[in-house]
Amino acid sequence: MVKLTQVDDETATQFEATVPAATKETYSDSEVDSESDYEDDLDLENETIYDRIVALKDIIPPTQRNQICSTIEGGKSLVHTALNKGGALLWGVTSSLLLLGVPLSLAILAETQLQEMEKEMSLQKSAQEVLAPGSETAFGNEKTA
């Protein structure tokens, strides 16, 4: 069988026996402040942007926070709607331009080519008249005779 005995701590009994006298402590706040300032500086260095934003949550009252959130949500929905409508409008305009513009540009190109061909033919005709004036009438007389 095991026998238990209580062992008293000698240091604890010594401190209990001596009661501190009522003395005025020379407590320096500057040392404690400087240590806490140093700890605060370390906290600021390790603090992330997310931590700062979360800390701002406590500064703004809940009613204003709700107003800000509702305003932001309203703006976000307005931008979303505007982008959707703008995209639909842009799609309609571009498809209409493609359906109407491409055939029109092809027709204009064909007309321009036809005009260039007519101009080239008239230049060739005038060049022949300059080289051999009256030759058409001469050839015409031989053919009719």
C-alpha atoms as a PDB file:
ATOM      1  CA  MET A   1       0.000   0.000   0.000  1.00  0.00           C
ATOM      2  CA  VAL A   2       1.180   3.544  -0.805  1.00  0.00           C
ATOM      3  CA  LYS A   3       1.409   6.175   1.856  1.00  0.00           C
ATOM      4  CA  LEU A   4       0.942   9.806   0.777  1.00  0.00           C
ATOM      5  CA  THR A   5       2.611  12.639   2.584  1.00  0.00           C
ATOM      6  CA  GLN A   6       2.263  16.342   1.938  1.00  0.00           C
ATOM      7  CA  VAL A   7       5.463  18.205   1.152  1.00  0.00           C
ATOM      8  CA  ASP A   8       5.464  21.901   1.911  1.00  0.00           C
ATOM      9  CA  ASP A   9       7.228  24.256  -0.434  1.00  0.00           C
ATOM     10  CA  GLU A  10       9.852  26.154   1.520  1.00  0.00           C
ATOM     11  CA  THR A  11       9.890  29.190  -0.766  1.00  0.00           C
ATOM     12  CA  ALA A  12       6.139  29.594  -0.573  1.00  0.00           C
ATOM     13  CA  THR A  13       6.221  29.545   3.223  1.00  0.00           C
ATOM     14  CA  GLN A  14       9.001  32.113   3.292  1.00  0.00           C
ATOM     15  CA  PHE A  15       7.053  34.558   1.117  1.00  0.00           C
ATOM     16  CA  GLU A  16       3.878  34.055   3.094  1.00  0.00           C
ATOM     17  CA  ALA A  17       5.716  34.733   6.321  1.00  0.00           C
ATOM     18  CA  THR A  18       7.152  38.028   5.183  1.00  0.00           C
ATOM     19  CA  VAL A  19       4.494  40.622   4.569  1.00  0.00           C
ATOM     20  CA  PRO A  20       5.707  43.499   2.460  1.00  0.00           C
ATOM     21  CA  ALA A  21       5.863  46.778   4.217  1.00  0.00           C
ATOM     22  CA  ALA A  22       3.759  49.620   2.885  1.00  0.00           C
ATOM     23  CA  THR A  23       6.412  51.323   0.868  1.00  0.00           C
ATOM     24  CA  LYS A  24       6.052  53.712  -1.977  1.00  0.00           C
ATOM     25  CA  GLU A  25       7.152  52.015  -5.155  1.00  0.00           C
ATOM     26  CA  THR A  26       9.169  53.890  -7.647  1.00  0.00           C
ATOM     27  CA  TYR A  27       7.100  52.746 -10.589  1.00  0.00           C
ATOM     28  CA  SER A  28       8.040  54.212 -13.910  1.00  0.00           C
ATOM     29  CA  ASP A  29       5.258  54.481 -16.473  1.00  0.00           C
ATOM     30  CA  SER A  30       7.690  55.401 -19.197  1.00  0.00           C
ATOM     31  CA  GLU A  31       9.291  51.957 -19.220  1.00  0.00           C
ATOM     32  CA  VAL A  32       5.946  50.196 -19.468  1.00  0.00           C
ATOM     33  CA  ASP A  33       4.723  52.630 -22.100  1.00  0.00           C
ATOM     34  CA  SER A  34       7.821  52.200 -24.205  1.00  0.00           C
ATOM     35  CA  GLU A  35       7.490  48.423 -24.088  1.00  0.00           C
ATOM     36  CA  SER A  36       3.812  48.581 -25.021  1.00  0.00           C
ATOM     37  CA  ASP A  37       4.630  51.057 -27.787  1.00  0.00           C
ATOM     38  CA  TYR A  38       7.212  48.647 -29.115  1.00  0.00           C
ATOM     39  CA  GLU A  39       4.676  45.826 -29.010  1.00  0.00           C
ATOM     40  CA  ASP A  40       2.132  48.043 -30.801  1.00  0.00           C
ATOM     41  CA  ASP A  41       4.703  48.780 -33.490  1.00  0.00           C
ATOM     42  CA  LEU A  42       5.277  45.080 -33.968  1.00  0.00           C
ATOM     43  CA  ASP A  43       1.534  44.544 -34.205  1.00  0.00           C
ATOM     44  CA  LEU A  44       1.266  47.240 -36.882  1.00  0.00           C
ATOM     45  CA  GLU A  45       4.062  45.673 -38.888  1.00  0.00           C
ATOM     46  CA  ASN A  46       2.394  42.259 -38.772  1.00  0.00           C
ATOM     47  CA  GLU A  47      -1.071  43.666 -39.392  1.00  0.00           C
ATOM     48  CA  THR A  48      -2.547  43.000 -42.807  1.00  0.00           C
ATOM     49  CA  ILE A  49      -4.850  45.219 -44.825  1.00  0.00           C
ATOM     50  CA  TYR A  50      -7.676  42.791 -44.121  1.00  0.00           C
ATOM     51  CA  ASP A  51      -7.115  43.240 -40.375  1.00  0.00           C
ATOM     52  CA  ARG A  52      -7.317  47.002 -40.778  1.00  0.00           C
ATOM     53  CA  ILE A  53     -10.525  46.801 -42.792  1.00  0.00           C
ATOM     54  CA  VAL A  54     -12.069  44.498 -40.209  1.00  0.00           C
ATOM     55  CA  ALA A  55     -11.059  46.995 -37.514  1.00  0.00           C
ATOM     56  CA  LEU A  56     -12.841  49.750 -39.451  1.00  0.00           C
ATOM     57  CA  LYS A  57     -16.036  47.735 -39.114  1.00  0.00           C
ATOM     58  CA  ASP A  58     -16.135  48.629 -35.432  1.00  0.00           C
ATOM     59  CA  ILE A  59     -15.760  52.344 -36.157  1.00  0.00           C
ATOM     60  CA  ILE A  60     -18.778  52.654 -38.476  1.00  0.00           C
ATOM     61  CA  PRO A  61     -22.170  52.269 -36.753  1.00  0.00           C
ATOM     62  CA  PRO A  62     -24.433  49.450 -37.989  1.00  0.00           C
ATOM     63  CA  THR A  63     -27.078  51.809 -39.440  1.00  0.00           C
ATOM     64  CA  GLN A  64     -24.514  53.636 -41.554  1.00  0.00           C
ATOM     65  CA  ARG A  65     -22.924  50.324 -42.483  1.00  0.00           C
ATOM     66  CA  ASN A  66     -26.290  49.084 -43.765  1.00  0.00           C
ATOM     67  CA  GLN A  67     -26.798  52.297 -45.753  1.00  0.00           C
ATOM     68  CA  ILE A  68     -23.342  52.009 -47.278  1.00  0.00           C
ATOM     69  CA  CYS A  69     -23.904  48.355 -48.152  1.00  0.00           C
ATOM     70  CA  SER A  70     -27.289  49.059 -49.736  1.00  0.00           C
ATOM     71  CA  THR A  71     -25.840  51.972 -51.733  1.00  0.00           C
ATOM     72  CA  ILE A  72     -22.971  49.827 -52.983  1.00  0.00           C
ATOM     73  CA  GLU A  73     -25.325  46.971 -53.865  1.00  0.00           C
ATOM     74  CA  GLY A  74     -27.594  49.397 -55.742  1.00  0.00           C
ATOM     75  CA  GLY A  75     -24.643  50.790 -57.666  1.00  0.00           C
ATOM     76  CA  LYS A  76     -23.404  47.311 -58.431  1.00  0.00           C
ATOM     77  CA  SER A  77     -26.794  46.228 -59.766  1.00  0.00           C
ATOM     78  CA  LEU A  78     -27.039  49.448 -61.817  1.00  0.00           C
ATOM     79  CA  VAL A  79     -23.633  48.818 -63.396  1.00  0.00           C
ATOM     80  CA  HIS A  80     -24.552  45.175 -64.035  1.00  0.00           C
ATOM     81  CA  THR A  81     -27.809  46.172 -65.738  1.00  0.00           C
ATOM     82  CA  ALA A  82     -26.098  48.897 -67.777  1.00  0.00           C
ATOM     83  CA  LEU A  83     -23.413  46.493 -68.976  1.00  0.00           C
ATOM     84  CA  ASN A  84     -25.998  43.869 -69.927  1.00  0.00           C
ATOM     85  CA  LYS A  85     -28.140  46.384 -71.837  1.00  0.00           C
ATOM     86  CA  GLY A  86     -25.062  47.974 -73.413  1.00  0.00           C
ATOM     87  CA  GLY A  87     -23.807  44.580 -74.564  1.00  0.00           C
ATOM     88  CA  ALA A  88     -27.171  43.721 -76.094  1.00  0.00           C
ATOM     89  CA  LEU A  89     -27.292  47.108 -77.842  1.00  0.00           C
ATOM     90  CA  LEU A  90     -23.733  46.724 -79.108  1.00  0.00           C
ATOM     91  CA  TRP A  91     -24.496  43.236 -80.432  1.00  0.00           C
ATOM     92  CA  GLY A  92     -27.597  44.529 -82.234  1.00  0.00           C
ATOM     93  CA  VAL A  93     -25.746  47.457 -83.790  1.00  0.00           C
ATOM     94  CA  THR A  94     -22.782  45.385 -84.967  1.00  0.00           C
ATOM     95  CA  SER A  95     -24.902  42.600 -86.421  1.00  0.00           C
ATOM     96  CA  SER A  96     -27.107  45.162 -88.220  1.00  0.00           C
ATOM     97  CA  LEU A  97     -24.050  46.898 -89.612  1.00  0.00           C
ATOM     98  CA  LEU A  98     -22.655  43.602 -90.814  1.00  0.00           C
ATOM     99  CA  LEU A  99     -25.928  42.551 -92.436  1.00  0.00           C
ATOM    100  CA  LEU A 100     -26.446  45.906 -94.142  1.00  0.00           C
ATOM    101  CA  GLY A 101     -22.924  47.238 -94.481  1.00  0.00           C
ATOM    102  CA  VAL A 102     -21.137  44.321 -96.107  1.00  0.00           C
ATOM    103  CA  PRO A 103     -23.520  44.003 -99.085  1.00  0.00           C
ATOM    104  CA  LEU A 104     -23.572  47.788 -99.464  1.00  0.00           C
ATOM    105  CA  SER A 105     -19.785  48.009 -99.490  1.00  0.00           C
ATOM    106  CA  LEU A 106     -19.589  45.184-102.035  1.00  0.00           C
ATOM    107  CA  ALA A 107     -22.110  46.983-104.274  1.00  0.00           C
ATOM    108  CA  ILE A 108     -20.165  50.243-104.003  1.00  0.00           C
ATOM    109  CA  LEU A 109     -16.942  48.393-104.852  1.00  0.00           C
ATOM    110  CA  ALA A 110     -18.527  46.776-107.916  1.00  0.00           C
ATOM    111  CA  GLU A 111     -19.889  50.155-109.088  1.00  0.00           C
ATOM    112  CA  THR A 112     -16.451  51.736-108.644  1.00  0.00           C
ATOM    113  CA  GLN A 113     -14.824  48.961-110.666  1.00  0.00           C
ATOM    114  CA  LEU A 114     -17.413  49.415-113.436  1.00  0.00           C
ATOM    115  CA  GLN A 115     -16.736  53.157-113.571  1.00  0.00           C
ATOM    116  CA  GLU A 116     -12.985  52.509-113.758  1.00  0.00           C
ATOM    117  CA  MET A 117     -13.495  50.079-116.629  1.00  0.00           C
ATOM    118  CA  GLU A 118     -15.659  52.613-118.511  1.00  0.00           C
ATOM    119  CA  LYS A 119     -13.032  55.307-117.974  1.00  0.00           C
ATOM    120  CA  GLU A 120     -10.287  52.968-119.206  1.00  0.00           C
ATOM    121  CA  MET A 121     -12.292  52.099-122.322  1.00  0.00           C
ATOM    122  CA  SER A 122     -12.908  55.768-123.103  1.00  0.00           C
ATOM    123  CA  LEU A 123      -9.173  56.462-122.692  1.00  0.00           C
ATOM    124  CA  GLN A 124      -8.321  53.625-125.067  1.00  0.00           C
ATOM    125  CA  LYS A 125     -10.837  54.941-127.599  1.00  0.00           C
ATOM    126  CA  SER A 126      -9.394  58.459-127.419  1.00  0.00           C
ATOM    127  CA  ALA A 127      -5.849  57.061-127.718  1.00  0.00           C
ATOM    128  CA  GLN A 128      -6.806  55.230-130.910  1.00  0.00           C
ATOM    129  CA  GLU A 129      -8.295  58.407-132.361  1.00  0.00           C
ATOM    130  CA  VAL A 130      -5.113  60.327-131.600  1.00  0.00           C
ATOM    131  CA  LEU A 131      -2.893  57.704-133.234  1.00  0.00           C
ATOM    132  CA  ALA A 132      -4.997  57.247-136.383  1.00  0.00           C
ATOM    133  CA  PRO A 133      -7.467  60.063-136.899  1.00  0.00           C
ATOM    134  CA  GLY A 134     -10.235  59.237-139.346  1.00  0.00           C
ATOM    135  CA  SER A 135      -9.206  55.607-139.514  1.00  0.00           C
ATOM    136  CA  GLU A 136     -12.579  54.463-138.336  1.00  0.00           C
ATOM    137  CA  THR A 137     -14.305  56.122-141.277  1.00  0.00           C
ATOM    138  CA  ALA A 138     -11.772  54.627-143.657  1.00  0.00           C
ATOM    139  CA  PHE A 139     -12.280  51.181-142.265  1.00  0.00           C
ATOM    140  CA  GLY A 140     -15.988  51.793-142.209  1.00  0.00           C
ATOM    141  CA  ASN A 141     -15.987  52.667-145.938  1.00  0.00           C
ATOM    142  CA  GLU A 142     -14.135  49.521-146.862  1.00  0.00           C
ATOM    143  CA  LYS A 143     -16.480  47.342-144.928  1.00  0.00           C
ATOM    144  CA  THR A 144     -19.589  48.882-146.448  1.00  0.00           C
ATOM    145  CA  ALA A 145     -18.259  48.820-150.016  1.00  0.00           C
END
